[in-house]
Amino acid sequence: MNWLGLFRRKDRWHLEGWDTFAGHSYPIAGSYGSEWMARIAARIELWKLERQQPSSSSGGQEGIQDQVWIVRPDGSRYRYLLTGEKT
């Protein structure tokens, strides 16, 4: 069960990770007052993932490297990529 989601403020932006290899989501700590701040945090998370799961061995964002999703205050989400986003 994702306990972190129970305590998230509904008026804030959040990040969520997707473990592509295992096929499940996981919470990424933090909450943000604007989409701009959430996008900066998502960029940092992608840089961390690149260090932990290098594109040379994971295939990068098109391979099995974990994904970063931005969760809007209304609960809808979109995938964040360094080149833009996918909905």
N, C-alpha and C. Protein backbone atom coordinates (compact mmCIF):
# COMPACT_ATOMS: atom_id res chain seq x y z
N MET A 1 0.84 -1.19 0.00
CA MET A 1 0.00 0.00 0.00
C MET A 1 0.89 1.25 0.00
N ASN A 2 0.49 2.25 -0.74
CA ASN A 2 1.25 3.49 -0.84
C ASN A 2 0.79 4.45 0.25
N TRP A 3 1.42 4.38 1.43
CA TRP A 3 1.02 5.22 2.56
C TRP A 3 1.31 6.69 2.34
N LEU A 4 2.36 6.99 1.58
CA LEU A 4 2.71 8.38 1.33
C LEU A 4 1.55 9.13 0.68
N GLY A 5 0.84 8.47 -0.21
CA GLY A 5 -0.29 9.09 -0.89
C GLY A 5 -1.41 9.50 0.05
N LEU A 6 -1.54 8.83 1.18
CA LEU A 6 -2.60 9.16 2.13
C LEU A 6 -2.37 10.51 2.81
N PHE A 7 -1.11 10.94 2.86
CA PHE A 7 -0.77 12.16 3.59
C PHE A 7 -0.42 13.33 2.67
N ARG A 8 -0.58 13.17 1.39
CA ARG A 8 -0.26 14.23 0.45
C ARG A 8 -1.34 15.31 0.44
N ARG A 9 -0.89 16.55 0.41
CA ARG A 9 -1.83 17.67 0.33
C ARG A 9 -2.44 17.71 -1.06
N LYS A 10 -3.72 17.94 -1.12
CA LYS A 10 -4.45 17.90 -2.38
C LYS A 10 -4.25 19.15 -3.23
N ASP A 11 -3.66 20.21 -2.65
CA ASP A 11 -3.46 21.45 -3.40
C ASP A 11 -2.02 21.58 -3.90
N ARG A 12 -1.25 20.51 -3.85
CA ARG A 12 0.17 20.55 -4.22
C ARG A 12 0.47 19.60 -5.38
N TRP A 13 1.55 19.85 -6.04
CA TRP A 13 2.07 18.99 -7.10
C TRP A 13 3.03 17.98 -6.47
N HIS A 14 3.09 16.76 -7.03
CA HIS A 14 3.94 15.71 -6.51
C HIS A 14 4.61 14.96 -7.65
N LEU A 15 5.59 14.15 -7.30
CA LEU A 15 6.24 13.28 -8.28
C LEU A 15 5.97 11.83 -7.92
N GLU A 16 5.97 11.00 -8.95
CA GLU A 16 5.79 9.57 -8.77
C GLU A 16 6.76 8.87 -9.72
N GLY A 17 7.38 7.82 -9.24
CA GLY A 17 8.27 7.04 -10.09
C GLY A 17 7.55 5.81 -10.63
N TRP A 18 8.03 5.32 -11.75
CA TRP A 18 7.51 4.07 -12.32
C TRP A 18 8.70 3.15 -12.58
N ASP A 19 8.69 2.01 -11.90
CA ASP A 19 9.72 1.01 -12.08
C ASP A 19 9.36 0.19 -13.31
N THR A 20 9.98 0.50 -14.42
CA THR A 20 9.63 -0.12 -15.70
C THR A 20 9.90 -1.62 -15.69
N PHE A 21 10.97 -2.02 -15.02
CA PHE A 21 11.34 -3.43 -14.99
C PHE A 21 10.35 -4.24 -14.15
N ALA A 22 10.00 -3.73 -12.96
CA ALA A 22 9.09 -4.45 -12.05
C ALA A 22 7.62 -4.19 -12.36
N GLY A 23 7.33 -3.07 -13.03
CA GLY A 23 5.95 -2.77 -13.42
C GLY A 23 5.09 -2.21 -12.30
N HIS A 24 5.66 -1.36 -11.44
CA HIS A 24 4.85 -0.74 -10.39
C HIS A 24 5.34 0.68 -10.12
N SER A 25 4.44 1.47 -9.54
CA SER A 25 4.78 2.85 -9.21
C SER A 25 5.33 2.94 -7.79
N TYR A 26 6.01 4.03 -7.51
CA TYR A 26 6.52 4.28 -6.15
C TYR A 26 6.52 5.79 -5.92
N PRO A 27 6.30 6.21 -4.68
CA PRO A 27 6.26 7.65 -4.38
C PRO A 27 7.68 8.24 -4.38
N ILE A 28 7.78 9.47 -4.82
CA ILE A 28 9.01 10.23 -4.72
C ILE A 28 8.71 11.36 -3.74
N ALA A 29 9.50 11.45 -2.69
CA ALA A 29 9.25 12.44 -1.63
C ALA A 29 9.29 13.86 -2.17
N GLY A 30 8.44 14.71 -1.59
CA GLY A 30 8.41 16.12 -1.94
C GLY A 30 7.03 16.56 -2.38
N SER A 31 6.74 17.83 -2.18
CA SER A 31 5.52 18.43 -2.70
C SER A 31 5.85 19.84 -3.13
N TYR A 32 5.17 20.32 -4.15
CA TYR A 32 5.56 21.54 -4.82
C TYR A 32 4.34 22.45 -5.03
N GLY A 33 4.57 23.74 -4.88
CA GLY A 33 3.49 24.71 -4.97
C GLY A 33 3.12 25.11 -6.38
N SER A 34 3.92 24.70 -7.36
CA SER A 34 3.62 25.05 -8.75
C SER A 34 4.13 23.95 -9.68
N GLU A 35 3.60 23.95 -10.88
CA GLU A 35 4.06 22.98 -11.88
C GLU A 35 5.53 23.24 -12.22
N TRP A 36 5.92 24.50 -12.29
CA TRP A 36 7.30 24.85 -12.60
C TRP A 36 8.25 24.21 -11.60
N MET A 37 7.93 24.30 -10.31
CA MET A 37 8.78 23.70 -9.27
C MET A 37 8.79 22.18 -9.38
N ALA A 38 7.65 21.59 -9.71
CA ALA A 38 7.57 20.13 -9.88
C ALA A 38 8.42 19.69 -11.07
N ARG A 39 8.42 20.48 -12.13
CA ARG A 39 9.21 20.14 -13.32
C ARG A 39 10.72 20.19 -13.01
N ILE A 40 11.15 21.17 -12.22
CA ILE A 40 12.55 21.24 -11.83
C ILE A 40 12.92 20.00 -11.01
N ALA A 41 12.06 19.64 -10.05
CA ALA A 41 12.31 18.45 -9.23
C ALA A 41 12.33 17.19 -10.09
N ALA A 42 11.45 17.10 -11.08
CA ALA A 42 11.42 15.94 -11.97
C ALA A 42 12.71 15.85 -12.78
N ARG A 43 13.22 16.98 -13.23
CA ARG A 43 14.48 17.00 -13.98
C ARG A 43 15.62 16.46 -13.09
N ILE A 44 15.65 16.90 -11.85
CA ILE A 44 16.67 16.42 -10.91
C ILE A 44 16.54 14.91 -10.70
N GLU A 45 15.31 14.42 -10.57
CA GLU A 45 15.09 12.97 -10.41
C GLU A 45 15.60 12.20 -11.62
N LEU A 46 15.37 12.73 -12.83
CA LEU A 46 15.86 12.05 -14.02
C LEU A 46 17.39 12.03 -14.05
N TRP A 47 18.01 13.09 -13.61
CA TRP A 47 19.48 13.10 -13.53
C TRP A 47 19.97 12.04 -12.54
N LYS A 48 19.27 11.92 -11.39
CA LYS A 48 19.62 10.89 -10.41
C LYS A 48 19.48 9.49 -11.02
N LEU A 49 18.38 9.29 -11.75
CA LEU A 49 18.16 7.99 -12.38
C LEU A 49 19.26 7.67 -13.38
N GLU A 50 19.71 8.68 -14.10
CA GLU A 50 20.77 8.45 -15.09
C GLU A 50 22.05 7.99 -14.40
N ARG A 51 22.32 8.50 -13.21
CA ARG A 51 23.51 8.05 -12.47
C ARG A 51 23.31 6.64 -11.92
N GLN A 52 22.09 6.34 -11.45
CA GLN A 52 21.81 5.03 -10.85
C GLN A 52 21.58 3.94 -11.89
N GLN A 53 20.96 4.32 -13.00
CA GLN A 53 20.60 3.38 -14.06
C GLN A 53 21.06 3.96 -15.40
N PRO A 54 22.36 3.93 -15.68
CA PRO A 54 22.89 4.59 -16.87
C PRO A 54 22.22 4.11 -18.16
N SER A 55 22.01 5.05 -19.07
CA SER A 55 21.40 4.72 -20.36
C SER A 55 22.18 3.65 -21.10
N SER A 56 23.49 3.61 -20.91
CA SER A 56 24.33 2.63 -21.60
C SER A 56 23.97 1.20 -21.24
N SER A 57 23.42 0.99 -20.03
CA SER A 57 23.04 -0.38 -19.64
C SER A 57 21.53 -0.57 -19.52
N SER A 58 20.77 0.52 -19.36
CA SER A 58 19.32 0.39 -19.17
C SER A 58 18.51 0.72 -20.43
N GLY A 59 19.16 1.34 -21.39
CA GLY A 59 18.41 1.77 -22.58
C GLY A 59 17.79 3.14 -22.39
N GLY A 60 18.03 3.77 -21.23
CA GLY A 60 17.51 5.12 -20.97
C GLY A 60 16.00 5.14 -20.84
N GLN A 61 15.42 6.28 -21.11
CA GLN A 61 13.97 6.46 -20.94
C GLN A 61 13.16 5.66 -21.96
N GLU A 62 13.78 5.25 -23.04
CA GLU A 62 13.09 4.38 -24.00
C GLU A 62 13.30 2.91 -23.68
N GLY A 63 14.15 2.62 -22.69
CA GLY A 63 14.44 1.24 -22.29
C GLY A 63 13.77 0.93 -20.96
N ILE A 64 14.55 0.32 -20.03
CA ILE A 64 13.98 -0.08 -18.74
C ILE A 64 14.33 0.87 -17.60
N GLN A 65 14.93 2.01 -17.93
CA GLN A 65 15.21 3.00 -16.88
C GLN A 65 13.88 3.47 -16.28
N ASP A 66 13.86 3.63 -14.95
CA ASP A 66 12.64 4.10 -14.29
C ASP A 66 12.17 5.42 -14.91
N GLN A 67 10.87 5.67 -14.78
CA GLN A 67 10.27 6.89 -15.31
C GLN A 67 9.87 7.82 -14.18
N VAL A 68 9.72 9.10 -14.50
CA VAL A 68 9.27 10.10 -13.54
C VAL A 68 7.97 10.71 -14.07
N TRP A 69 6.97 10.72 -13.20
CA TRP A 69 5.66 11.29 -13.54
C TRP A 69 5.37 12.46 -12.62
N ILE A 70 4.76 13.50 -13.17
CA ILE A 70 4.32 14.64 -12.38
C ILE A 70 2.84 14.47 -12.11
N VAL A 71 2.47 14.56 -10.83
CA VAL A 71 1.08 14.39 -10.41
C VAL A 71 0.51 15.78 -10.10
N ARG A 72 -0.53 16.15 -10.83
CA ARG A 72 -1.19 17.45 -10.63
C ARG A 72 -2.01 17.43 -9.34
N PRO A 73 -2.37 18.61 -8.83
CA PRO A 73 -3.20 18.65 -7.62
C PRO A 73 -4.52 17.89 -7.76
N ASP A 74 -5.06 17.79 -8.98
CA ASP A 74 -6.32 17.07 -9.17
C ASP A 74 -6.13 15.56 -9.28
N GLY A 75 -4.87 15.09 -9.19
CA GLY A 75 -4.59 13.66 -9.24
C GLY A 75 -4.22 13.14 -10.61
N SER A 76 -4.48 13.92 -11.66
CA SER A 76 -4.06 13.47 -12.99
C SER A 76 -2.55 13.60 -13.09
N ARG A 77 -1.95 12.92 -14.02
CA ARG A 77 -0.50 12.88 -14.08
C ARG A 77 -0.01 12.85 -15.52
N TYR A 78 1.24 13.24 -15.70
CA TYR A 78 1.88 13.08 -16.99
C TYR A 78 3.35 12.73 -16.79
N ARG A 79 3.86 12.03 -17.78
CA ARG A 79 5.26 11.60 -17.73
C ARG A 79 6.16 12.77 -18.09
N TYR A 80 7.21 12.96 -17.30
CA TYR A 80 8.16 14.03 -17.58
C TYR A 80 9.39 13.44 -18.26
N LEU A 81 9.79 14.05 -19.35
CA LEU A 81 11.00 13.69 -20.07
C LEU A 81 11.85 14.94 -20.22
N LEU A 82 13.15 14.79 -20.31
CA LEU A 82 14.02 15.95 -20.48
C LEU A 82 13.71 16.68 -21.79
N THR A 83 13.16 15.97 -22.76
CA THR A 83 12.83 16.57 -24.05
C THR A 83 11.40 17.08 -24.10
N GLY A 84 10.67 17.00 -23.02
CA GLY A 84 9.27 17.40 -23.01
C GLY A 84 8.47 16.45 -22.14
N GLU A 85 7.21 16.26 -22.47
CA GLU A 85 6.39 15.37 -21.66
C GLU A 85 5.46 14.56 -22.52
N LYS A 86 5.01 13.46 -21.97
CA LYS A 86 3.99 12.62 -22.60
C LYS A 86 2.82 12.56 -21.64
N THR A 87 1.62 12.54 -22.14
CA THR A 87 0.45 12.44 -21.26
C THR A 87 -0.02 11.01 -21.17
